[in-house]
Amino acid sequence: MRNWKFGVSSTDEAPESAPLLLKGNIVDNLQKAGELGYDAIEVHTREDIELDYNEILNRMKETKVRIAQIVTGRLNTEAMCSLMDDRPYVTEAAMKGMYQYIDMASALEADIVVGWVKGNVPVGKAPEKYLSRLAGNLHKLNDYGKKKNVKINLEVINHYEVNVFTKCEQLVDFLDKYKLDNCYVHLDTYHMNLEEDSFEKAIYIAGDKLGYFHIADNQRWYPGSGQIDFSAIFQALEKINYGGYITVECFCHGDGVYTARKAIEYLKRITQNITKISS
């Protein structure tokens, strides 16, 4: 029986419109996640926040709940930084922040998610120059992450939000072209539902480069509340022998704890049924 590892999104603060479920400090969110039956949390925070690492690590040990990922999005949404910006001082600030995120993840025995902070190609500009710039900066982060034992997971995001890596195949080709051996693919069923021809095909394309997986239903509520066939998705993940975290990042339906509970109940039920069918 495969031991799937489930995570849940968490944050210190966020608007109600954000797809983040557990709110509070990291120590308290680890406790809540453990009580709900999750194996890990992902942490949305700023790179310069002061943390009591000993307290967090002790709570991780007590609860047996890990930190799956540190999410870097606020470096873009709040600090307006990007790794492919035309302004050198912006990319320098982005790199400084990313090194801080890697240090944080290393201290918390986690990896990092790189989403919006990748940046976008300016409208009307040729993408090659910007993708080359992004690759150059990612090479530095790739190597720094290896030294710190931190993997870098690049998120595939739908075209309504970004204009680079909107499909899994584009990101896989980029990683291969620039030989980024410590950078991995991060897929999200919400974005996949908007962009990919097939959930299973995208998972097979990612293969052993799949480093992280977000799960939500088609309307971005909790899995099991909409139309996505998650049985097929888990079977595809099983075929590629995916062993990473599957983390719920969805809108609150009611309150965050209620939503997180509904999600984990569904995920455990469906994966048990898949195991029975497989056996």
C-alpha atoms as a PDB file:
ATOM      1  CA  MET A   1       0.000   0.000   0.000  1.00  0.00           C
ATOM      2  CA  ARG A   2       1.445   3.358  -1.072  1.00  0.00           C
ATOM      3  CA  ASN A   3       1.902   5.805   1.764  1.00  0.00           C
ATOM      4  CA  TRP A   4       0.709   9.047   0.178  1.00  0.00           C
ATOM      5  CA  LYS A   5       1.983  12.194   1.901  1.00  0.00           C
ATOM      6  CA  PHE A   6      -0.636  14.931   2.214  1.00  0.00           C
ATOM      7  CA  GLY A   7       0.039  18.580   2.960  1.00  0.00           C
ATOM      8  CA  VAL A   8      -2.106  21.652   3.512  1.00  0.00           C
ATOM      9  CA  SER A   9      -1.491  25.306   2.671  1.00  0.00           C
ATOM     10  CA  SER A  10      -0.785  27.659   5.576  1.00  0.00           C
ATOM     11  CA  THR A  11      -0.007  31.317   6.107  1.00  0.00           C
ATOM     12  CA  ASP A  12       0.498  33.869   8.843  1.00  0.00           C
ATOM     13  CA  GLU A  13      -2.023  36.184   7.195  1.00  0.00           C
ATOM     14  CA  ALA A  14      -3.889  36.380   3.896  1.00  0.00           C
ATOM     15  CA  PRO A  15      -7.075  37.852   2.399  1.00  0.00           C
ATOM     16  CA  GLU A  16     -10.149  35.645   2.365  1.00  0.00           C
ATOM     17  CA  SER A  17      -9.827  35.382  -1.415  1.00  0.00           C
ATOM     18  CA  ALA A  18      -6.483  33.550  -1.177  1.00  0.00           C
ATOM     19  CA  PRO A  19      -6.482  29.733  -1.589  1.00  0.00           C
ATOM     20  CA  LEU A  20      -4.819  29.251   1.806  1.00  0.00           C
ATOM     21  CA  LEU A  21      -6.461  27.230   4.559  1.00  0.00           C
ATOM     22  CA  LEU A  22      -4.601  27.313   7.882  1.00  0.00           C
ATOM     23  CA  LYS A  23      -3.919  30.770   9.272  1.00  0.00           C
ATOM     24  CA  GLY A  24      -1.661  31.631  12.175  1.00  0.00           C
ATOM     25  CA  ASN A  25       1.966  31.187  13.105  1.00  0.00           C
ATOM     26  CA  ILE A  26       3.931  28.179  11.868  1.00  0.00           C
ATOM     27  CA  VAL A  27       4.003  26.429  15.240  1.00  0.00           C
ATOM     28  CA  ASP A  28       0.216  26.597  15.634  1.00  0.00           C
ATOM     29  CA  ASN A  29      -0.380  25.594  12.013  1.00  0.00           C
ATOM     30  CA  LEU A  30       1.801  22.497  12.462  1.00  0.00           C
ATOM     31  CA  GLN A  31      -0.382  21.542  15.421  1.00  0.00           C
ATOM     32  CA  LYS A  32      -3.641  22.112  13.511  1.00  0.00           C
ATOM     33  CA  ALA A  33      -2.394  20.108  10.516  1.00  0.00           C
ATOM     34  CA  GLY A  34      -1.414  17.184  12.701  1.00  0.00           C
ATOM     35  CA  GLU A  35      -4.793  17.131  14.437  1.00  0.00           C
ATOM     36  CA  LEU A  36      -6.504  17.072  11.033  1.00  0.00           C
ATOM     37  CA  GLY A  37      -4.397  14.136   9.853  1.00  0.00           C
ATOM     38  CA  TYR A  38      -1.998  15.888   7.479  1.00  0.00           C
ATOM     39  CA  ASP A  39       1.657  14.975   7.086  1.00  0.00           C
ATOM     40  CA  ALA A  40       2.926  18.469   6.282  1.00  0.00           C
ATOM     41  CA  ILE A  41       2.167  22.127   5.750  1.00  0.00           C
ATOM     42  CA  GLU A  42       3.413  24.502   3.103  1.00  0.00           C
ATOM     43  CA  VAL A  43       4.304  27.951   4.417  1.00  0.00           C
ATOM     44  CA  HIS A  44       3.459  31.214   2.656  1.00  0.00           C
ATOM     45  CA  THR A  45       5.537  33.998   4.187  1.00  0.00           C
ATOM     46  CA  ARG A  46       8.058  36.751   3.469  1.00  0.00           C
ATOM     47  CA  GLU A  47      11.725  35.984   3.118  1.00  0.00           C
ATOM     48  CA  ASP A  48      12.838  38.381   5.866  1.00  0.00           C
ATOM     49  CA  ILE A  49      10.503  37.230   8.631  1.00  0.00           C
ATOM     50  CA  GLU A  50      12.136  36.435  11.962  1.00  0.00           C
ATOM     51  CA  LEU A  51      11.445  32.863  13.042  1.00  0.00           C
ATOM     52  CA  ASP A  52      12.221  30.834  16.141  1.00  0.00           C
ATOM     53  CA  TYR A  53      13.694  27.847  14.315  1.00  0.00           C
ATOM     54  CA  ASN A  54      14.237  25.780  17.450  1.00  0.00           C
ATOM     55  CA  GLU A  55      10.594  26.155  18.480  1.00  0.00           C
ATOM     56  CA  ILE A  56       9.383  25.215  14.991  1.00  0.00           C
ATOM     57  CA  LEU A  57      11.683  22.190  14.731  1.00  0.00           C
ATOM     58  CA  ASN A  58      10.603  21.009  18.170  1.00  0.00           C
ATOM     59  CA  ARG A  59       6.926  21.266  17.192  1.00  0.00           C
ATOM     60  CA  MET A  60       7.658  19.355  13.983  1.00  0.00           C
ATOM     61  CA  LYS A  61       9.215  16.603  16.076  1.00  0.00           C
ATOM     62  CA  GLU A  62       6.299  16.560  18.538  1.00  0.00           C
ATOM     63  CA  THR A  63       3.560  16.493  15.900  1.00  0.00           C
ATOM     64  CA  LYS A  64       5.446  14.442  13.290  1.00  0.00           C
ATOM     65  CA  VAL A  65       4.268  17.071  10.773  1.00  0.00           C
ATOM     66  CA  ARG A  66       6.854  18.341   8.302  1.00  0.00           C
ATOM     67  CA  ILE A  67       7.158  21.570   6.356  1.00  0.00           C
ATOM     68  CA  ALA A  68       6.831  20.525   2.727  1.00  0.00           C
ATOM     69  CA  GLN A  69       7.639  23.821   1.033  1.00  0.00           C
ATOM     70  CA  ILE A  70       8.370  27.466   1.621  1.00  0.00           C
ATOM     71  CA  VAL A  71       6.399  29.440  -0.977  1.00  0.00           C
ATOM     72  CA  THR A  72       8.139  32.507  -2.420  1.00  0.00           C
ATOM     73  CA  GLY A  73       5.141  34.277  -3.974  1.00  0.00           C
ATOM     74  CA  ARG A  74       5.127  37.324  -1.715  1.00  0.00           C
ATOM     75  CA  LEU A  75       8.538  38.349  -3.011  1.00  0.00           C
ATOM     76  CA  ASN A  76       6.616  39.167  -6.187  1.00  0.00           C
ATOM     77  CA  THR A  77       3.143  40.151  -4.992  1.00  0.00           C
ATOM     78  CA  GLU A  78       4.349  42.373  -2.141  1.00  0.00           C
ATOM     79  CA  ALA A  79       7.952  43.294  -3.034  1.00  0.00           C
ATOM     80  CA  MET A  80       7.347  43.445  -6.821  1.00  0.00           C
ATOM     81  CA  CYS A  81      10.486  41.404  -7.535  1.00  0.00           C
ATOM     82  CA  SER A  82      11.034  39.131 -10.527  1.00  0.00           C
ATOM     83  CA  LEU A  83      13.884  36.956 -11.744  1.00  0.00           C
ATOM     84  CA  MET A  84      13.662  38.169 -15.360  1.00  0.00           C
ATOM     85  CA  ASP A  85      13.034  41.902 -14.936  1.00  0.00           C
ATOM     86  CA  ASP A  86      14.753  44.413 -17.245  1.00  0.00           C
ATOM     87  CA  ARG A  87      15.780  46.523 -14.251  1.00  0.00           C
ATOM     88  CA  PRO A  88      18.968  45.126 -12.699  1.00  0.00           C
ATOM     89  CA  TYR A  89      18.127  46.394  -9.218  1.00  0.00           C
ATOM     90  CA  VAL A  90      14.838  44.456  -9.328  1.00  0.00           C
ATOM     91  CA  THR A  91      16.477  41.146 -10.271  1.00  0.00           C
ATOM     92  CA  GLU A  92      19.224  41.764  -7.689  1.00  0.00           C
ATOM     93  CA  ALA A  93      16.574  42.232  -5.002  1.00  0.00           C
ATOM     94  CA  ALA A  94      14.803  39.101  -6.254  1.00  0.00           C
ATOM     95  CA  MET A  95      18.013  37.076  -6.010  1.00  0.00           C
ATOM     96  CA  LYS A  96      18.755  38.362  -2.522  1.00  0.00           C
ATOM     97  CA  GLY A  97      15.264  37.378  -1.409  1.00  0.00           C
ATOM     98  CA  MET A  98      15.518  33.957  -3.027  1.00  0.00           C
ATOM     99  CA  TYR A  99      18.780  33.213  -1.221  1.00  0.00           C
ATOM    100  CA  GLN A 100      17.004  34.128   2.023  1.00  0.00           C
ATOM    101  CA  TYR A 101      14.143  31.774   1.181  1.00  0.00           C
ATOM    102  CA  ILE A 102      16.589  28.941   0.478  1.00  0.00           C
ATOM    103  CA  ASP A 103      18.312  29.566   3.814  1.00  0.00           C
ATOM    104  CA  MET A 104      14.930  29.476   5.559  1.00  0.00           C
ATOM    105  CA  ALA A 105      13.928  26.258   3.807  1.00  0.00           C
ATOM    106  CA  SER A 106      17.267  24.667   4.674  1.00  0.00           C
ATOM    107  CA  ALA A 107      16.822  25.514   8.355  1.00  0.00           C
ATOM    108  CA  LEU A 108      13.316  24.022   8.291  1.00  0.00           C
ATOM    109  CA  GLU A 109      14.287  20.895   6.305  1.00  0.00           C
ATOM    110  CA  ALA A 110      12.003  21.956   3.444  1.00  0.00           C
ATOM    111  CA  ASP A 111      12.130  22.851  -0.251  1.00  0.00           C
ATOM    112  CA  ILE A 112      10.871  25.975  -2.031  1.00  0.00           C
ATOM    113  CA  VAL A 113       8.178  26.832  -4.577  1.00  0.00           C
ATOM    114  CA  VAL A 114       8.948  29.403  -7.269  1.00  0.00           C
ATOM    115  CA  GLY A 115       5.788  30.702  -8.890  1.00  0.00           C
ATOM    116  CA  TRP A 116       5.007  34.317  -9.665  1.00  0.00           C
ATOM    117  CA  VAL A 117       8.520  35.491  -8.795  1.00  0.00           C
ATOM    118  CA  LYS A 118       9.759  33.902 -12.034  1.00  0.00           C
ATOM    119  CA  GLY A 119       8.300  36.975 -13.713  1.00  0.00           C
ATOM    120  CA  ASN A 120       6.635  37.545 -17.080  1.00  0.00           C
ATOM    121  CA  VAL A 121       7.902  38.419 -20.544  1.00  0.00           C
ATOM    122  CA  PRO A 122       6.900  42.036 -21.330  1.00  0.00           C
ATOM    123  CA  VAL A 123       4.142  42.326 -23.914  1.00  0.00           C
ATOM    124  CA  GLY A 124       5.543  42.531 -27.432  1.00  0.00           C
ATOM    125  CA  LYS A 125       9.038  41.408 -26.438  1.00  0.00           C
ATOM    126  CA  ALA A 126      10.802  38.300 -27.719  1.00  0.00           C
ATOM    127  CA  PRO A 127      10.780  35.676 -24.939  1.00  0.00           C
ATOM    128  CA  GLU A 128      14.262  34.230 -25.617  1.00  0.00           C
ATOM    129  CA  LYS A 129      16.173  37.041 -23.887  1.00  0.00           C
ATOM    130  CA  TYR A 130      13.993  36.864 -20.791  1.00  0.00           C
ATOM    131  CA  LEU A 131      14.027  33.084 -20.533  1.00  0.00           C
ATOM    132  CA  SER A 132      17.813  33.159 -20.865  1.00  0.00           C
ATOM    133  CA  ARG A 133      18.002  35.715 -18.053  1.00  0.00           C
ATOM    134  CA  LEU A 134      15.686  33.596 -15.928  1.00  0.00           C
ATOM    135  CA  ALA A 135      17.830  30.523 -16.616  1.00  0.00           C
ATOM    136  CA  GLY A 136      20.998  32.368 -15.599  1.00  0.00           C
ATOM    137  CA  ASN A 137      19.513  33.398 -12.278  1.00  0.00           C
ATOM    138  CA  LEU A 138      18.016  29.962 -11.713  1.00  0.00           C
ATOM    139  CA  HIS A 139      21.427  28.369 -12.291  1.00  0.00           C
ATOM    140  CA  LYS A 140      22.771  30.328  -9.334  1.00  0.00           C
ATOM    141  CA  LEU A 141      19.803  29.347  -7.185  1.00  0.00           C
ATOM    142  CA  ASN A 142      20.002  25.766  -8.464  1.00  0.00           C
ATOM    143  CA  ASP A 143      23.595  25.436  -7.244  1.00  0.00           C
ATOM    144  CA  TYR A 144      22.999  27.303  -3.975  1.00  0.00           C
ATOM    145  CA  GLY A 145      20.013  25.069  -3.276  1.00  0.00           C
ATOM    146  CA  LYS A 146      22.150  21.963  -3.800  1.00  0.00           C
ATOM    147  CA  LYS A 147      24.639  23.208  -1.217  1.00  0.00           C
ATOM    148  CA  LYS A 148      21.785  23.797   1.210  1.00  0.00           C
ATOM    149  CA  ASN A 149      19.947  20.533   0.392  1.00  0.00           C
ATOM    150  CA  VAL A 150      16.941  22.476  -0.894  1.00  0.00           C
ATOM    151  CA  LYS A 151      15.112  21.579  -4.116  1.00  0.00           C
ATOM    152  CA  ILE A 152      13.589  24.318  -6.251  1.00  0.00           C
ATOM    153  CA  ASN A 153      10.090  23.590  -7.565  1.00  0.00           C
ATOM    154  CA  LEU A 154       8.941  25.768 -10.460  1.00  0.00           C
ATOM    155  CA  GLU A 155       5.184  26.085 -10.688  1.00  0.00           C
ATOM    156  CA  VAL A 156       3.223  25.698 -13.921  1.00  0.00           C
ATOM    157  CA  ILE A 157       0.537  28.418 -13.761  1.00  0.00           C
ATOM    158  CA  ASN A 158      -2.379  29.148 -16.092  1.00  0.00           C
ATOM    159  CA  HIS A 159      -2.126  31.742 -18.884  1.00  0.00           C
ATOM    160  CA  TYR A 160      -4.656  34.072 -17.266  1.00  0.00           C
ATOM    161  CA  GLU A 161      -2.050  34.800 -14.579  1.00  0.00           C
ATOM    162  CA  VAL A 162       1.373  34.421 -16.270  1.00  0.00           C
ATOM    163  CA  ASN A 163       2.864  34.098 -19.756  1.00  0.00           C
ATOM    164  CA  VAL A 164       5.726  31.643 -19.144  1.00  0.00           C
ATOM    165  CA  PHE A 165       5.439  27.925 -18.337  1.00  0.00           C
ATOM    166  CA  THR A 166       1.692  27.663 -18.636  1.00  0.00           C
ATOM    167  CA  LYS A 167       1.970  23.987 -19.688  1.00  0.00           C
ATOM    168  CA  CYS A 168       4.027  21.223 -18.149  1.00  0.00           C
ATOM    169  CA  GLU A 169       5.848  20.395 -21.380  1.00  0.00           C
ATOM    170  CA  GLN A 170       7.181  23.965 -21.681  1.00  0.00           C
ATOM    171  CA  LEU A 171       8.788  23.793 -18.261  1.00  0.00           C
ATOM    172  CA  VAL A 172      10.230  20.307 -18.783  1.00  0.00           C
ATOM    173  CA  ASP A 173      11.825  21.476 -22.059  1.00  0.00           C
ATOM    174  CA  PHE A 174      13.267  24.549 -20.285  1.00  0.00           C
ATOM    175  CA  LEU A 175      14.788  22.455 -17.480  1.00  0.00           C
ATOM    176  CA  ASP A 176      16.319  20.092 -20.017  1.00  0.00           C
ATOM    177  CA  LYS A 177      17.648  22.866 -22.251  1.00  0.00           C
ATOM    178  CA  TYR A 178      19.384  24.728 -19.435  1.00  0.00           C
ATOM    179  CA  LYS A 179      20.404  21.606 -17.473  1.00  0.00           C
ATOM    180  CA  LEU A 180      18.884  22.758 -14.185  1.00  0.00           C
ATOM    181  CA  ASP A 181      19.434  19.555 -12.242  1.00  0.00           C
ATOM    182  CA  ASN A 182      18.136  20.810  -8.874  1.00  0.00           C
ATOM    183  CA  CYS A 183      15.001  22.420 -10.310  1.00  0.00           C
ATOM    184  CA  TYR A 184      11.771  20.433 -10.558  1.00  0.00           C
ATOM    185  CA  VAL A 185       8.230  20.691 -11.899  1.00  0.00           C
ATOM    186  CA  HIS A 186       5.413  21.786  -9.625  1.00  0.00           C
ATOM    187  CA  LEU A 187       1.941  20.957 -10.941  1.00  0.00           C
ATOM    188  CA  ASP A 188      -1.428  22.131  -9.629  1.00  0.00           C
ATOM    189  CA  THR A 189      -4.696  20.484 -10.658  1.00  0.00           C
ATOM    190  CA  TYR A 190      -6.491  23.852 -10.750  1.00  0.00           C
ATOM    191  CA  HIS A 191      -4.049  25.251 -13.312  1.00  0.00           C
ATOM    192  CA  MET A 192      -3.828  21.905 -15.142  1.00  0.00           C
ATOM    193  CA  ASN A 193      -7.603  21.902 -15.568  1.00  0.00           C
ATOM    194  CA  LEU A 194      -7.326  25.199 -17.462  1.00  0.00           C
ATOM    195  CA  GLU A 195      -4.257  24.402 -19.573  1.00  0.00           C
ATOM    196  CA  GLU A 196      -3.426  20.741 -20.077  1.00  0.00           C
ATOM    197  CA  ASP A 197      -4.963  18.411 -22.653  1.00  0.00           C
ATOM    198  CA  SER A 198      -4.948  15.654 -20.033  1.00  0.00           C
ATOM    199  CA  PHE A 199      -4.056  15.492 -16.351  1.00  0.00           C
ATOM    200  CA  GLU A 200      -2.440  12.090 -16.838  1.00  0.00           C
ATOM    201  CA  LYS A 201      -0.441  13.154 -19.904  1.00  0.00           C
ATOM    202  CA  ALA A 202       1.036  16.143 -18.058  1.00  0.00           C
ATOM    203  CA  ILE A 203       2.002  13.936 -15.113  1.00  0.00           C
ATOM    204  CA  TYR A 204       3.715  11.459 -17.460  1.00  0.00           C
ATOM    205  CA  ILE A 205       5.563  14.308 -19.201  1.00  0.00           C
ATOM    206  CA  ALA A 206       6.865  15.547 -15.850  1.00  0.00           C
ATOM    207  CA  GLY A 207       7.885  12.016 -14.840  1.00  0.00           C
ATOM    208  CA  ASP A 208      10.782  11.934 -12.416  1.00  0.00           C
ATOM    209  CA  LYS A 209      11.074  15.732 -12.649  1.00  0.00           C
ATOM    210  CA  LEU A 210       7.789  16.133 -10.768  1.00  0.00           C
ATOM    211  CA  GLY A 211       8.841  17.598  -7.436  1.00  0.00           C
ATOM    212  CA  TYR A 212       5.607  18.908  -5.922  1.00  0.00           C
ATOM    213  CA  PHE A 213       1.864  18.629  -6.480  1.00  0.00           C
ATOM    214  CA  HIS A 214      -1.006  20.946  -5.541  1.00  0.00           C
ATOM    215  CA  ILE A 215      -4.530  19.639  -5.463  1.00  0.00           C
ATOM    216  CA  ALA A 216      -7.875  21.423  -5.749  1.00  0.00           C
ATOM    217  CA  ASP A 217     -11.039  20.773  -7.712  1.00  0.00           C
ATOM    218  CA  ASN A 218     -11.976  22.484 -10.977  1.00  0.00           C
ATOM    219  CA  GLN A 219     -13.603  25.480  -9.255  1.00  0.00           C
ATOM    220  CA  ARG A 220     -10.653  25.651  -6.804  1.00  0.00           C
ATOM    221  CA  TRP A 221     -12.649  24.368  -3.874  1.00  0.00           C
ATOM    222  CA  TYR A 222     -11.564  21.291  -1.960  1.00  0.00           C
ATOM    223  CA  PRO A 223     -10.956  18.058  -3.907  1.00  0.00           C
ATOM    224  CA  GLY A 224     -14.114  16.019  -4.217  1.00  0.00           C
ATOM    225  CA  SER A 225     -16.376  19.067  -4.421  1.00  0.00           C
ATOM    226  CA  GLY A 226     -16.322  19.414  -8.202  1.00  0.00           C
ATOM    227  CA  GLN A 227     -15.801  17.561 -11.473  1.00  0.00           C
ATOM    228  CA  ILE A 228     -12.161  16.410 -11.563  1.00  0.00           C
ATOM    229  CA  ASP A 229     -11.507  12.662 -11.677  1.00  0.00           C
ATOM    230  CA  PHE A 230      -8.926  12.381  -8.910  1.00  0.00           C
ATOM    231  CA  SER A 231      -8.828   8.590  -9.102  1.00  0.00           C
ATOM    232  CA  ALA A 232      -7.218   8.859 -12.550  1.00  0.00           C
ATOM    233  CA  ILE A 233      -4.792  11.478 -11.271  1.00  0.00           C
ATOM    234  CA  PHE A 234      -3.634   9.326  -8.360  1.00  0.00           C
ATOM    235  CA  GLN A 235      -3.255   6.337 -10.641  1.00  0.00           C
ATOM    236  CA  ALA A 236      -1.027   8.426 -12.926  1.00  0.00           C
ATOM    237  CA  LEU A 237       1.015   9.616  -9.952  1.00  0.00           C
ATOM    238  CA  GLU A 238       1.393   6.022  -8.863  1.00  0.00           C
ATOM    239  CA  LYS A 239       2.586   4.975 -12.328  1.00  0.00           C
ATOM    240  CA  ILE A 240       5.445   7.501 -12.246  1.00  0.00           C
ATOM    241  CA  ASN A 241       6.202   6.455  -8.665  1.00  0.00           C
ATOM    242  CA  TYR A 242       5.694   9.983  -7.313  1.00  0.00           C
ATOM    243  CA  GLY A 243       6.765  10.093  -3.683  1.00  0.00           C
ATOM    244  CA  GLY A 244       6.496  13.804  -2.900  1.00  0.00           C
ATOM    245  CA  TYR A 245       3.826  15.760  -1.075  1.00  0.00           C
ATOM    246  CA  ILE A 246       0.305  16.264  -2.395  1.00  0.00           C
ATOM    247  CA  THR A 247      -0.809  19.530  -0.871  1.00  0.00           C
ATOM    248  CA  VAL A 248      -4.288  21.014  -0.708  1.00  0.00           C
ATOM    249  CA  GLU A 249      -4.263  24.617  -1.881  1.00  0.00           C
ATOM    250  CA  CYS A 250      -7.843  25.693  -2.429  1.00  0.00           C
ATOM    251  CA  PHE A 251     -10.390  28.348  -1.543  1.00  0.00           C
ATOM    252  CA  CYS A 252     -12.075  28.164   1.833  1.00  0.00           C
ATOM    253  CA  HIS A 253     -15.539  26.636   1.719  1.00  0.00           C
ATOM    254  CA  GLY A 254     -16.805  27.805   5.076  1.00  0.00           C
ATOM    255  CA  ASP A 255     -13.694  28.244   7.204  1.00  0.00           C
ATOM    256  CA  GLY A 256     -10.172  27.006   6.533  1.00  0.00           C
ATOM    257  CA  VAL A 257     -10.122  24.222   9.104  1.00  0.00           C
ATOM    258  CA  TYR A 258     -13.474  22.859   7.907  1.00  0.00           C
ATOM    259  CA  THR A 259     -12.240  22.934   4.300  1.00  0.00           C
ATOM    260  CA  ALA A 260      -8.965  21.235   5.215  1.00  0.00           C
ATOM    261  CA  ARG A 261     -10.904  18.510   7.051  1.00  0.00           C
ATOM    262  CA  LYS A 262     -13.237  17.882   4.096  1.00  0.00           C
ATOM    263  CA  ALA A 263     -10.231  17.660   1.770  1.00  0.00           C
ATOM    264  CA  ILE A 264      -8.224  15.165   3.834  1.00  0.00           C
ATOM    265  CA  GLU A 265     -11.285  12.975   4.422  1.00  0.00           C
ATOM    266  CA  TYR A 266     -11.882  12.771   0.687  1.00  0.00           C
ATOM    267  CA  LEU A 267      -8.227  12.205  -0.211  1.00  0.00           C
ATOM    268  CA  LYS A 268      -7.777   9.391   2.280  1.00  0.00           C
ATOM    269  CA  ARG A 269     -11.011   7.734   1.176  1.00  0.00           C
ATOM    270  CA  ILE A 270     -10.210   7.884  -2.526  1.00  0.00           C
ATOM    271  CA  THR A 271      -6.620   6.682  -2.151  1.00  0.00           C
ATOM    272  CA  GLN A 272      -7.782   3.753  -0.035  1.00  0.00           C
ATOM    273  CA  ASN A 273     -10.241   2.807  -2.763  1.00  0.00           C
ATOM    274  CA  ILE A 274      -7.482   2.996  -5.408  1.00  0.00           C
ATOM    275  CA  THR A 275      -5.323   0.683  -3.300  1.00  0.00           C
ATOM    276  CA  LYS A 276      -8.191  -1.829  -3.036  1.00  0.00           C
ATOM    277  CA  ILE A 277      -8.755  -1.743  -6.793  1.00  0.00           C
ATOM    278  CA  SER A 278      -5.009  -2.151  -7.490  1.00  0.00           C
ATOM    279  CA  SER A 279      -4.737  -5.134  -5.169  1.00  0.00           C
END
